[in-house]
C-alpha cells in the first residue's frame, strides 16, 4: 500500500508541477496574462506541498526520483496539452528515467 500511495503522490505532484510550469509558460511566452502566471505559481507551490506527503522522509531521494517522473510526465503533458509527438528516443529516455525512479524509490534497502 505504501508503494501505491507513493506512486499516486508522484502523479499528483507531476500534475501540479508540470501544470504550474505550463501555466507560467502560457502566461509569459504565449501572452495569456498574469492570471495564468499567478495560477502557475500557486500550482507550483502545491507541488512542493504534495512532495512532503511522500512516505519516505528523505528529501534528496524524493526530489531525485521525482526528476524521472517529471521527464516522463512532461512528455505526456506535451502530448495532451500541445499535440507534441514524442519520437522513439523521447520514449526510450523517459523509460530509462522511470526505471531510475523505481530503483531510487523502491529498491531494497
PDB file of N, CA and C in Angstrom:
ATOM      1  N   UNK A   1       0.818  -1.195   0.000  1.00  0.00           N
ATOM      2  CA  UNK A   1       0.000   0.000   0.000  1.00  0.00           C
ATOM      3  C   UNK A   1       0.863   1.260   0.000  1.00  0.00           C
ATOM      4  N   UNK A   2       2.009   1.224   0.668  1.00  0.00           N
ATOM      5  CA  UNK A   2       2.888   2.387   0.714  1.00  0.00           C
ATOM      6  C   UNK A   2       3.414   2.730  -0.674  1.00  0.00           C
ATOM      7  N   UNK A   3       3.769   1.707  -1.475  1.00  0.00           N
ATOM      8  CA  UNK A   3       4.265   1.962  -2.831  1.00  0.00           C
ATOM      9  C   UNK A   3       3.155   2.577  -3.677  1.00  0.00           C
ATOM     10  N   UNK A   4       1.953   2.067  -3.568  1.00  0.00           N
ATOM     11  CA  UNK A   4       0.829   2.615  -4.334  1.00  0.00           C
ATOM     12  C   UNK A   4       0.581   4.077  -3.942  1.00  0.00           C
ATOM     13  N   UNK A   5       0.616   4.368  -2.639  1.00  0.00           N
ATOM     14  CA  UNK A   5       0.445   5.759  -2.177  1.00  0.00           C
ATOM     15  C   UNK A   5       1.540   6.646  -2.754  1.00  0.00           C
ATOM     16  N   UNK A   6       2.766   6.163  -2.733  1.00  0.00           N
ATOM     17  CA  UNK A   6       3.894   6.928  -3.252  1.00  0.00           C
ATOM     18  C   UNK A   6       3.721   7.223  -4.742  1.00  0.00           C
ATOM     19  N   UNK A   7       3.333   6.223  -5.503  1.00  0.00           N
ATOM     20  CA  UNK A   7       3.131   6.399  -6.948  1.00  0.00           C
ATOM     21  C   UNK A   7       2.014   7.414  -7.210  1.00  0.00           C
ATOM     22  N   UNK A   8       0.932   7.310  -6.438  1.00  0.00           N
ATOM     23  CA  UNK A   8      -0.177   8.262  -6.609  1.00  0.00           C
ATOM     24  C   UNK A   8       0.272   9.685  -6.281  1.00  0.00           C
ATOM     25  N   UNK A   9       1.072   9.840  -5.227  1.00  0.00           N
ATOM     26  CA  UNK A   9       1.572  11.165  -4.875  1.00  0.00           C
ATOM     27  C   UNK A   9       2.496  11.721  -5.954  1.00  0.00           C
ATOM     28  N   UNK A  10       3.317  10.854  -6.551  1.00  0.00           N
ATOM     29  CA  UNK A  10       4.151  11.316  -7.660  1.00  0.00           C
ATOM     30  C   UNK A  10       3.277  11.816  -8.805  1.00  0.00           C
ATOM     31  N   UNK A  11       2.180  11.129  -9.073  1.00  0.00           N
ATOM     32  CA  UNK A  11       1.268  11.558 -10.142  1.00  0.00           C
ATOM     33  C   UNK A  11       0.637  12.912  -9.855  1.00  0.00           C
ATOM     34  N   UNK A  12       0.160  13.095  -8.631  1.00  0.00           N
ATOM     35  CA  UNK A  12      -0.452  14.378  -8.254  1.00  0.00           C
ATOM     36  C   UNK A  12       0.595  15.492  -8.304  1.00  0.00           C
ATOM     37  N   UNK A  13       1.780  15.202  -7.785  1.00  0.00           N
ATOM     38  CA  UNK A  13       2.857  16.198  -7.807  1.00  0.00           C
ATOM     39  C   UNK A  13       3.207  16.584  -9.239  1.00  0.00           C
ATOM     40  N   UNK A  14       3.213  15.604 -10.130  1.00  0.00           N
ATOM     41  CA  UNK A  14       3.534  15.876 -11.535  1.00  0.00           C
ATOM     42  C   UNK A  14       2.506  16.819 -12.150  1.00  0.00           C
ATOM     43  N   UNK A  15       1.244  16.587 -11.865  1.00  0.00           N
ATOM     44  CA  UNK A  15       0.206  17.460 -12.416  1.00  0.00           C
ATOM     45  C   UNK A  15       0.405  18.894 -11.928  1.00  0.00           C
ATOM     46  N   UNK A  16       0.680  19.046 -10.631  1.00  0.00           N
ATOM     47  CA  UNK A  16       0.875  20.400 -10.099  1.00  0.00           C
ATOM     48  C   UNK A  16       2.142  21.051 -10.651  1.00  0.00           C
ATOM     49  N   UNK A  17       3.253  20.323 -10.672  1.00  0.00           N
ATOM     50  CA  UNK A  17       4.488  20.979 -11.111  1.00  0.00           C
ATOM     51  C   UNK A  17       4.502  21.221 -12.612  1.00  0.00           C
ATOM     52  N   UNK A  18       4.187  20.208 -13.384  1.00  0.00           N
ATOM     53  CA  UNK A  18       4.207  20.379 -14.837  1.00  0.00           C
ATOM     54  C   UNK A  18       3.104  21.346 -15.264  1.00  0.00           C
ATOM     55  N   UNK A  19       1.933  21.183 -14.663  1.00  0.00           N
ATOM     56  CA  UNK A  19       0.837  22.099 -14.970  1.00  0.00           C
ATOM     57  C   UNK A  19       1.167  23.525 -14.579  1.00  0.00           C
ATOM     58  N   UNK A  20       1.791  23.697 -13.419  1.00  0.00           N
ATOM     59  CA  UNK A  20       2.180  25.036 -12.983  1.00  0.00           C
ATOM     60  C   UNK A  20       3.192  25.667 -13.917  1.00  0.00           C
ATOM     61  N   UNK A  21       4.197  24.900 -14.293  1.00  0.00           N
ATOM     62  CA  UNK A  21       5.209  25.419 -15.217  1.00  0.00           C
ATOM     63  C   UNK A  21       4.572  25.753 -16.569  1.00  0.00           C
ATOM     64  N   UNK A  22       3.646  24.908 -17.016  1.00  0.00           N
ATOM     65  CA  UNK A  22       2.962  25.143 -18.290  1.00  0.00           C
ATOM     66  C   UNK A  22       2.128  26.429 -18.228  1.00  0.00           C
ATOM     67  N   UNK A  23       1.452  26.639 -17.090  1.00  0.00           N
ATOM     68  CA  UNK A  23       0.657  27.862 -16.943  1.00  0.00           C
ATOM     69  C   UNK A  23       1.536  29.099 -16.979  1.00  0.00           C
ATOM     70  N   UNK A  24       2.676  29.060 -16.292  1.00  0.00           N
ATOM     71  CA  UNK A  24       3.600  30.192 -16.335  1.00  0.00           C
ATOM     72  C   UNK A  24       4.082  30.413 -17.769  1.00  0.00           C
ATOM     73  N   UNK A  25       4.444  29.335 -18.447  1.00  0.00           N
ATOM     74  CA  UNK A  25       4.889  29.405 -19.847  1.00  0.00           C
ATOM     75  C   UNK A  25       3.806  30.068 -20.710  1.00  0.00           C
ATOM     76  N   UNK A  26       2.574  29.605 -20.547  1.00  0.00           N
ATOM     77  CA  UNK A  26       1.475  30.162 -21.331  1.00  0.00           C
ATOM     78  C   UNK A  26       1.278  31.642 -21.013  1.00  0.00           C
ATOM     79  N   UNK A  27       1.361  31.987 -19.747  1.00  0.00           N
ATOM     80  CA  UNK A  27       1.162  33.379 -19.352  1.00  0.00           C
ATOM     81  C   UNK A  27       2.222  34.308 -19.914  1.00  0.00           C
ATOM     82  N   UNK A  28       3.473  33.866 -19.892  1.00  0.00           N
ATOM     83  CA  UNK A  28       4.580  34.723 -20.338  1.00  0.00           C
ATOM     84  C   UNK A  28       4.833  34.579 -21.839  1.00  0.00           C
ATOM     85  N   UNK A  29       5.117  33.356 -22.275  1.00  0.00           N
ATOM     86  CA  UNK A  29       5.531  33.137 -23.668  1.00  0.00           C
ATOM     87  C   UNK A  29       4.391  33.260 -24.667  1.00  0.00           C
ATOM     88  N   UNK A  30       3.204  32.865 -24.249  1.00  0.00           N
ATOM     89  CA  UNK A  30       2.051  32.922 -25.163  1.00  0.00           C
ATOM     90  C   UNK A  30       1.173  34.142 -24.883  1.00  0.00           C
ATOM     91  N   UNK A  31       1.642  35.023 -24.008  1.00  0.00           N
ATOM     92  CA  UNK A  31       0.977  36.303 -23.726  1.00  0.00           C
ATOM     93  C   UNK A  31      -0.474  36.139 -23.276  1.00  0.00           C
ATOM     94  N   UNK A  32      -0.699  35.149 -22.407  1.00  0.00           N
ATOM     95  CA  UNK A  32      -2.062  34.939 -21.920  1.00  0.00           C
ATOM     96  C   UNK A  32      -2.373  35.740 -20.663  1.00  0.00           C
ATOM     97  N   UNK A  33      -1.361  36.320 -20.060  1.00  0.00           N
ATOM     98  CA  UNK A  33      -1.617  37.230 -18.943  1.00  0.00           C
ATOM     99  C   UNK A  33      -1.165  36.719 -17.587  1.00  0.00           C
ATOM    100  N   UNK A  34      -1.254  37.657 -16.646  1.00  0.00           N
ATOM    101  CA  UNK A  34      -0.743  37.395 -15.304  1.00  0.00           C
ATOM    102  C   UNK A  34      -1.616  36.457 -14.493  1.00  0.00           C
ATOM    103  N   UNK A  35      -2.880  36.311 -14.839  1.00  0.00           N
ATOM    104  CA  UNK A  35      -3.722  35.337 -14.129  1.00  0.00           C
ATOM    105  C   UNK A  35      -3.189  33.924 -14.387  1.00  0.00           C
ATOM    106  N   UNK A  36      -2.764  33.656 -15.600  1.00  0.00           N
ATOM    107  CA  UNK A  36      -2.164  32.349 -15.914  1.00  0.00           C
ATOM    108  C   UNK A  36      -0.873  32.162 -15.122  1.00  0.00           C
ATOM    109  N   UNK A  37      -0.058  33.210 -15.083  1.00  0.00           N
ATOM    110  CA  UNK A  37       1.207  33.134 -14.346  1.00  0.00           C
ATOM    111  C   UNK A  37       0.932  32.894 -12.861  1.00  0.00           C
ATOM    112  N   UNK A  38       0.024  33.666 -12.297  1.00  0.00           N
ATOM    113  CA  UNK A  38      -0.307  33.503 -10.876  1.00  0.00           C
ATOM    114  C   UNK A  38      -0.858  32.130 -10.561  1.00  0.00           C
ATOM    115  N   UNK A  39      -1.693  31.614 -11.441  1.00  0.00           N
ATOM    116  CA  UNK A  39      -2.220  30.251 -11.253  1.00  0.00           C
ATOM    117  C   UNK A  39      -1.088  29.232 -11.291  1.00  0.00           C
ATOM    118  N   UNK A  40      -0.143  29.456 -12.181  1.00  0.00           N
ATOM    119  CA  UNK A  40       1.006  28.562 -12.264  1.00  0.00           C
ATOM    120  C   UNK A  40       1.843  28.592 -11.004  1.00  0.00           C
ATOM    121  N   UNK A  41       2.047  29.768 -10.455  1.00  0.00           N
ATOM    122  CA  UNK A  41       2.827  29.900  -9.221  1.00  0.00           C
ATOM    123  C   UNK A  41       2.120  29.170  -8.077  1.00  0.00           C
ATOM    124  N   UNK A  42       0.818  29.288  -7.995  1.00  0.00           N
ATOM    125  CA  UNK A  42       0.058  28.568  -6.965  1.00  0.00           C
ATOM    126  C   UNK A  42       0.201  27.058  -7.155  1.00  0.00           C
ATOM    127  N   UNK A  43       0.071  26.599  -8.383  1.00  0.00           N
ATOM    128  CA  UNK A  43       0.211  25.164  -8.653  1.00  0.00           C
ATOM    129  C   UNK A  43       1.609  24.674  -8.289  1.00  0.00           C
ATOM    130  N   UNK A  44       2.626  25.454  -8.581  1.00  0.00           N
ATOM    131  CA  UNK A  44       3.991  25.070  -8.219  1.00  0.00           C
ATOM    132  C   UNK A  44       4.155  24.982  -6.700  1.00  0.00           C
ATOM    133  N   UNK A  45       3.517  25.878  -5.983  1.00  0.00           N
ATOM    134  CA  UNK A  45       3.538  25.798  -4.521  1.00  0.00           C
ATOM    135  C   UNK A  45       2.849  24.547  -4.016  1.00  0.00           C
ATOM    136  N   UNK A  46       1.739  24.178  -4.646  1.00  0.00           N
ATOM    137  CA  UNK A  46       1.038  22.946  -4.262  1.00  0.00           C
ATOM    138  C   UNK A  46       1.894  21.715  -4.541  1.00  0.00           C
ATOM    139  N   UNK A  47       2.664  21.746  -5.628  1.00  0.00           N
ATOM    140  CA  UNK A  47       3.607  20.655  -5.893  1.00  0.00           C
ATOM    141  C   UNK A  47       4.552  20.473  -4.706  1.00  0.00           C
ATOM    142  N   UNK A  48       5.109  21.575  -4.218  1.00  0.00           N
ATOM    143  CA  UNK A  48       6.025  21.492  -3.082  1.00  0.00           C
ATOM    144  C   UNK A  48       5.366  20.884  -1.858  1.00  0.00           C
ATOM    145  N   UNK A  49       4.106  21.225  -1.641  1.00  0.00           N
ATOM    146  CA  UNK A  49       3.371  20.660  -0.514  1.00  0.00           C
ATOM    147  C   UNK A  49       3.142  19.156  -0.705  1.00  0.00           C
ATOM    148  N   UNK A  50       2.678  18.760  -1.875  1.00  0.00           N
ATOM    149  CA  UNK A  50       2.386  17.341  -2.134  1.00  0.00           C
ATOM    150  C   UNK A  50       3.643  16.484  -1.976  1.00  0.00           C
ATOM    151  N   UNK A  51       4.779  17.015  -2.379  1.00  0.00           N
ATOM    152  CA  UNK A  51       6.027  16.251  -2.255  1.00  0.00           C
ATOM    153  C   UNK A  51       6.322  15.889  -0.807  1.00  0.00           C
ATOM    154  N   UNK A  52       5.902  16.725   0.138  1.00  0.00           N
ATOM    155  CA  UNK A  52       6.161  16.440   1.549  1.00  0.00           C
ATOM    156  C   UNK A  52       5.326  15.282   2.078  1.00  0.00           C
ATOM    157  N   UNK A  53       4.320  14.865   1.343  1.00  0.00           N
ATOM    158  CA  UNK A  53       3.439  13.789   1.791  1.00  0.00           C
ATOM    159  C   UNK A  53       3.972  12.395   1.455  1.00  0.00           C
ATOM    160  N   UNK A  54       5.087  12.323   0.741  1.00  0.00           N
ATOM    161  CA  UNK A  54       5.666  11.016   0.400  1.00  0.00           C
ATOM    162  C   UNK A  54       6.002  10.247   1.673  1.00  0.00           C
ATOM    163  N   UNK A  55       5.780   8.922   1.674  1.00  0.00           N
ATOM    164  CA  UNK A  55       6.083   8.123   2.860  1.00  0.00           C
ATOM    165  C   UNK A  55       7.564   8.147   3.244  1.00  0.00           C
ATOM    166  N   UNK A  56       8.458   8.218   2.285  1.00  0.00           N
ATOM    167  CA  UNK A  56       9.890   8.278   2.563  1.00  0.00           C
ATOM    168  C   UNK A  56      10.226   9.692   3.028  1.00  0.00           C
ATOM    169  N   UNK A  57      11.031   9.805   4.077  1.00  0.00           N
ATOM    170  CA  UNK A  57      11.322  11.107   4.675  1.00  0.00           C
ATOM    171  C   UNK A  57      12.583  11.763   4.125  1.00  0.00           C
ATOM    172  N   UNK A  58      13.233  11.183   3.130  1.00  0.00           N
ATOM    173  CA  UNK A  58      14.498  11.711   2.612  1.00  0.00           C
ATOM    174  C   UNK A  58      14.247  12.647   1.444  1.00  0.00           C
ATOM    175  N   UNK A  59      14.425  13.946   1.689  1.00  0.00           N
ATOM    176  CA  UNK A  59      14.169  14.964   0.678  1.00  0.00           C
ATOM    177  C   UNK A  59      14.949  14.698  -0.610  1.00  0.00           C
ATOM    178  N   UNK A  60      16.226  14.420  -0.484  1.00  0.00           N
ATOM    179  CA  UNK A  60      17.059  14.204  -1.666  1.00  0.00           C
ATOM    180  C   UNK A  60      16.571  13.046  -2.516  1.00  0.00           C
ATOM    181  N   UNK A  61      16.190  11.957  -1.866  1.00  0.00           N
ATOM    182  CA  UNK A  61      15.698  10.786  -2.597  1.00  0.00           C
ATOM    183  C   UNK A  61      14.395  11.111  -3.315  1.00  0.00           C
ATOM    184  N   UNK A  62      13.485  11.781  -2.618  1.00  0.00           N
ATOM    185  CA  UNK A  62      12.190  12.127  -3.223  1.00  0.00           C
ATOM    186  C   UNK A  62      12.407  13.036  -4.428  1.00  0.00           C
ATOM    187  N   UNK A  63      13.220  14.067  -4.258  1.00  0.00           N
ATOM    188  CA  UNK A  63      13.426  15.014  -5.346  1.00  0.00           C
ATOM    189  C   UNK A  63      14.154  14.373  -6.528  1.00  0.00           C
ATOM    190  N   UNK A  64      15.132  13.519  -6.237  1.00  0.00           N
ATOM    191  CA  UNK A  64      15.848  12.828  -7.319  1.00  0.00           C
ATOM    192  C   UNK A  64      14.903  11.922  -8.098  1.00  0.00           C
ATOM    193  N   UNK A  65      14.098  11.162  -7.377  1.00  0.00           N
ATOM    194  CA  UNK A  65      13.155  10.266  -8.050  1.00  0.00           C
ATOM    195  C   UNK A  65      12.115  11.061  -8.825  1.00  0.00           C
ATOM    196  N   UNK A  66      11.655  12.167  -8.227  1.00  0.00           N
ATOM    197  CA  UNK A  66      10.655  12.963  -8.927  1.00  0.00           C
ATOM    198  C   UNK A  66      11.193  13.503 -10.250  1.00  0.00           C
ATOM    199  N   UNK A  67      12.502  13.703 -10.329  1.00  0.00           N
ATOM    200  CA  UNK A  67      13.094  14.149 -11.593  1.00  0.00           C
ATOM    201  C   UNK A  67      12.734  13.217 -12.744  1.00  0.00           C
ATOM    202  N   UNK A  68      12.770  11.926 -12.491  1.00  0.00           N
ATOM    203  CA  UNK A  68      12.396  10.952 -13.525  1.00  0.00           C
ATOM    204  C   UNK A  68      10.923  11.019 -13.867  1.00  0.00           C
ATOM    205  N   UNK A  69      10.094  11.211 -12.842  1.00  0.00           N
ATOM    206  CA  UNK A  69       8.653  11.358 -13.076  1.00  0.00           C
ATOM    207  C   UNK A  69       8.397  12.620 -13.899  1.00  0.00           C
ATOM    208  N   UNK A  70       9.139  13.686 -13.594  1.00  0.00           N
ATOM    209  CA  UNK A  70       8.983  14.945 -14.321  1.00  0.00           C
ATOM    210  C   UNK A  70       9.315  14.772 -15.798  1.00  0.00           C
ATOM    211  N   UNK A  71      10.385  14.039 -16.104  1.00  0.00           N
ATOM    212  CA  UNK A  71      10.777  13.830 -17.505  1.00  0.00           C
ATOM    213  C   UNK A  71       9.656  13.133 -18.265  1.00  0.00           C
ATOM    214  N   UNK A  72       9.196  12.011 -17.738  1.00  0.00           N
ATOM    215  CA  UNK A  72       8.144  11.251 -18.423  1.00  0.00           C
ATOM    216  C   UNK A  72       6.828  12.030 -18.439  1.00  0.00           C
ATOM    217  N   UNK A  73       6.485  12.630 -17.312  1.00  0.00           N
ATOM    218  CA  UNK A  73       5.238  13.386 -17.235  1.00  0.00           C
ATOM    219  C   UNK A  73       5.213  14.586 -18.165  1.00  0.00           C
ATOM    220  N   UNK A  74       6.352  15.221 -18.336  1.00  0.00           N
ATOM    221  CA  UNK A  74       6.415  16.380 -19.242  1.00  0.00           C
ATOM    222  C   UNK A  74       6.111  15.981 -20.673  1.00  0.00           C
ATOM    223  N   UNK A  75       6.590  14.822 -21.077  1.00  0.00           N
ATOM    224  CA  UNK A  75       6.298  14.354 -22.430  1.00  0.00           C
ATOM    225  C   UNK A  75       4.813  14.031 -22.584  1.00  0.00           C
ATOM    226  N   UNK A  76       4.234  13.405 -21.574  1.00  0.00           N
ATOM    227  CA  UNK A  76       2.793  13.103 -21.627  1.00  0.00           C
ATOM    228  C   UNK A  76       1.995  14.403 -21.651  1.00  0.00           C
ATOM    229  N   UNK A  77       2.366  15.359 -20.796  1.00  0.00           N
ATOM    230  CA  UNK A  77       1.666  16.648 -20.765  1.00  0.00           C
ATOM    231  C   UNK A  77       1.732  17.313 -22.139  1.00  0.00           C
ATOM    232  N   UNK A  78       2.913  17.319 -22.730  1.00  0.00           N
ATOM    233  CA  UNK A  78       3.077  17.957 -24.041  1.00  0.00           C
ATOM    234  C   UNK A  78       2.222  17.279 -25.107  1.00  0.00           C
ATOM    235  N   UNK A  79       2.080  15.973 -25.012  1.00  0.00           N
ATOM    236  CA  UNK A  79       1.232  15.253 -25.974  1.00  0.00           C
ATOM    237  C   UNK A  79      -0.226  15.681 -25.818  1.00  0.00           C
ATOM    238  N   UNK A  80      -0.689  15.748 -24.577  1.00  0.00           N
ATOM    239  CA  UNK A  80      -2.098  16.066 -24.321  1.00  0.00           C
ATOM    240  C   UNK A  80      -2.387  17.549 -24.535  1.00  0.00           C
ATOM    241  N   UNK A  81      -1.554  18.416 -23.984  1.00  0.00           N
ATOM    242  CA  UNK A  81      -1.858  19.854 -23.995  1.00  0.00           C
ATOM    243  C   UNK A  81      -1.430  20.560 -25.271  1.00  0.00           C
ATOM    244  N   UNK A  82      -0.360  20.064 -25.890  1.00  0.00           N
ATOM    245  CA  UNK A  82       0.208  20.802 -27.020  1.00  0.00           C
ATOM    246  C   UNK A  82       0.284  20.014 -28.320  1.00  0.00           C
ATOM    247  N   UNK A  83      -0.188  18.772 -28.320  1.00  0.00           N
ATOM    248  CA  UNK A  83      -0.140  17.972 -29.542  1.00  0.00           C
ATOM    249  C   UNK A  83       1.246  17.485 -29.917  1.00  0.00           C
ATOM    250  N   UNK A  84       2.172  17.507 -28.970  1.00  0.00           N
ATOM    251  CA  UNK A  84       3.544  17.042 -29.206  1.00  0.00           C
ATOM    252  C   UNK A  84       3.557  15.550 -29.495  1.00  0.00           C
ATOM    253  N   UNK A  85       4.402  15.138 -30.433  1.00  0.00           N
ATOM    254  CA  UNK A  85       4.542  13.716 -30.770  1.00  0.00           C
ATOM    255  C   UNK A  85       5.959  13.274 -30.451  1.00  0.00           C
ATOM    256  N   UNK A  86       6.143  12.547 -29.337  1.00  0.00           N
ATOM    257  CA  UNK A  86       7.499  12.121 -28.981  1.00  0.00           C
ATOM    258  C   UNK A  86       8.036  11.115 -29.993  1.00  0.00           C
ATOM    259  N   UNK A  87       9.344  11.183 -30.215  1.00  0.00           N
ATOM    260  CA  UNK A  87       9.947  10.176 -31.078  1.00  0.00           C
ATOM    261  C   UNK A  87      10.428   9.014 -30.205  1.00  0.00           C
ATOM    262  N   UNK A  88      11.008   8.020 -30.834  1.00  0.00           N
ATOM    263  CA  UNK A  88      11.401   6.824 -30.082  1.00  0.00           C
ATOM    264  C   UNK A  88      12.453   7.137 -29.032  1.00  0.00           C
ATOM    265  N   UNK A  89      13.299   8.120 -29.277  1.00  0.00           N
ATOM    266  CA  UNK A  89      14.339   8.472 -28.316  1.00  0.00           C
ATOM    267  C   UNK A  89      13.744   9.185 -27.107  1.00  0.00           C
ATOM    268  N   UNK A  90      12.714   9.963 -27.318  1.00  0.00           N
ATOM    269  CA  UNK A  90      11.994  10.553 -26.187  1.00  0.00           C
ATOM    270  C   UNK A  90      11.422   9.444 -25.309  1.00  0.00           C
ATOM    271  N   UNK A  91      10.822   8.460 -25.938  1.00  0.00           N
ATOM    272  CA  UNK A  91      10.196   7.354 -25.201  1.00  0.00           C
ATOM    273  C   UNK A  91      11.251   6.510 -24.489  1.00  0.00           C
ATOM    274  N   UNK A  92      12.356   6.214 -25.170  1.00  0.00           N
ATOM    275  CA  UNK A  92      13.437   5.455 -24.529  1.00  0.00           C
ATOM    276  C   UNK A  92      13.976   6.236 -23.329  1.00  0.00           C
ATOM    277  N   UNK A  93      14.218   7.514 -23.504  1.00  0.00           N
ATOM    278  CA  UNK A  93      14.734   8.333 -22.408  1.00  0.00           C
ATOM    279  C   UNK A  93      13.784   8.378 -21.222  1.00  0.00           C
ATOM    280  N   UNK A  94      12.498   8.547 -21.486  1.00  0.00           N
ATOM    281  CA  UNK A  94      11.512   8.577 -20.406  1.00  0.00           C
ATOM    282  C   UNK A  94      11.449   7.232 -19.686  1.00  0.00           C
ATOM    283  N   UNK A  95      11.554   6.148 -20.443  1.00  0.00           N
ATOM    284  CA  UNK A  95      11.536   4.821 -19.837  1.00  0.00           C
ATOM    285  C   UNK A  95      12.743   4.624 -18.923  1.00  0.00           C
ATOM    286  N   UNK A  96      13.911   5.042 -19.391  1.00  0.00           N
ATOM    287  CA  UNK A  96      15.123   4.955 -18.557  1.00  0.00           C
ATOM    288  C   UNK A  96      14.918   5.746 -17.263  1.00  0.00           C
ATOM    289  N   UNK A  97      14.341   6.932 -17.380  1.00  0.00           N
ATOM    290  CA  UNK A  97      14.101   7.754 -16.194  1.00  0.00           C
ATOM    291  C   UNK A  97      13.148   7.061 -15.219  1.00  0.00           C
ATOM    292  N   UNK A  98      12.087   6.456 -15.735  1.00  0.00           N
ATOM    293  CA  UNK A  98      11.134   5.778 -14.856  1.00  0.00           C
ATOM    294  C   UNK A  98      11.739   4.546 -14.200  1.00  0.00           C
ATOM    295  N   UNK A  99      12.618   3.852 -14.906  1.00  0.00           N
ATOM    296  CA  UNK A  99      13.338   2.748 -14.278  1.00  0.00           C
ATOM    297  C   UNK A  99      14.190   3.299 -13.134  1.00  0.00           C
ATOM    298  N   UNK A 100      14.825   4.434 -13.366  1.00  0.00           N
ATOM    299  CA  UNK A 100      15.600   5.079 -12.313  1.00  0.00           C
ATOM    300  C   UNK A 100      14.755   5.424 -11.100  1.00  0.00           C
ATOM    301  N   UNK A 101      13.540   5.908 -11.327  1.00  0.00           N
ATOM    302  CA  UNK A 101      12.618   6.200 -10.226  1.00  0.00           C
ATOM    303  C   UNK A 101      12.388   4.937  -9.400  1.00  0.00           C
ATOM    304  N   UNK A 102      12.133   3.833 -10.095  1.00  0.00           N
ATOM    305  CA  UNK A 102      11.888   2.573  -9.398  1.00  0.00           C
ATOM    306  C   UNK A 102      13.080   2.142  -8.561  1.00  0.00           C
ATOM    307  N   UNK A 103      14.272   2.274  -9.113  1.00  0.00           N
ATOM    308  CA  UNK A 103      15.482   1.887  -8.383  1.00  0.00           C
ATOM    309  C   UNK A 103      15.691   2.790  -7.178  1.00  0.00           C
ATOM    310  N   UNK A 104      15.570   4.105  -7.373  1.00  0.00           N
ATOM    311  CA  UNK A 104      15.799   5.048  -6.281  1.00  0.00           C
ATOM    312  C   UNK A 104      14.772   4.876  -5.163  1.00  0.00           C
ATOM    313  N   UNK A 105      13.521   4.784  -5.520  1.00  0.00           N
ATOM    314  CA  UNK A 105      12.462   4.796  -4.506  1.00  0.00           C
ATOM    315  C   UNK A 105      12.140   3.430  -3.918  1.00  0.00           C
ATOM    316  N   UNK A 106      12.185   2.410  -4.752  1.00  0.00           N
ATOM    317  CA  UNK A 106      11.601   1.144  -4.306  1.00  0.00           C
ATOM    318  C   UNK A 106      12.608   0.001  -4.271  1.00  0.00           C
ATOM    319  N   UNK A 107      13.889   0.312  -4.516  1.00  0.00           N
ATOM    320  CA  UNK A 107      14.911  -0.711  -4.408  1.00  0.00           C
ATOM    321  C   UNK A 107      15.075  -1.161  -2.955  1.00  0.00           C
ATOM    322  N   UNK A 108      15.496  -2.393  -2.760  1.00  0.00           N
ATOM    323  CA  UNK A 108      15.664  -2.889  -1.387  1.00  0.00           C
ATOM    324  C   UNK A 108      16.734  -2.095  -0.638  1.00  0.00           C
ATOM    325  N   UNK A 109      16.475  -1.809   0.592  1.00  0.00           N
ATOM    326  CA  UNK A 109      17.422  -1.069   1.427  1.00  0.00           C
ATOM    327  C   UNK A 109      17.815  -1.923   2.602  1.00  0.00           C
TER     328      UNK A 109
END
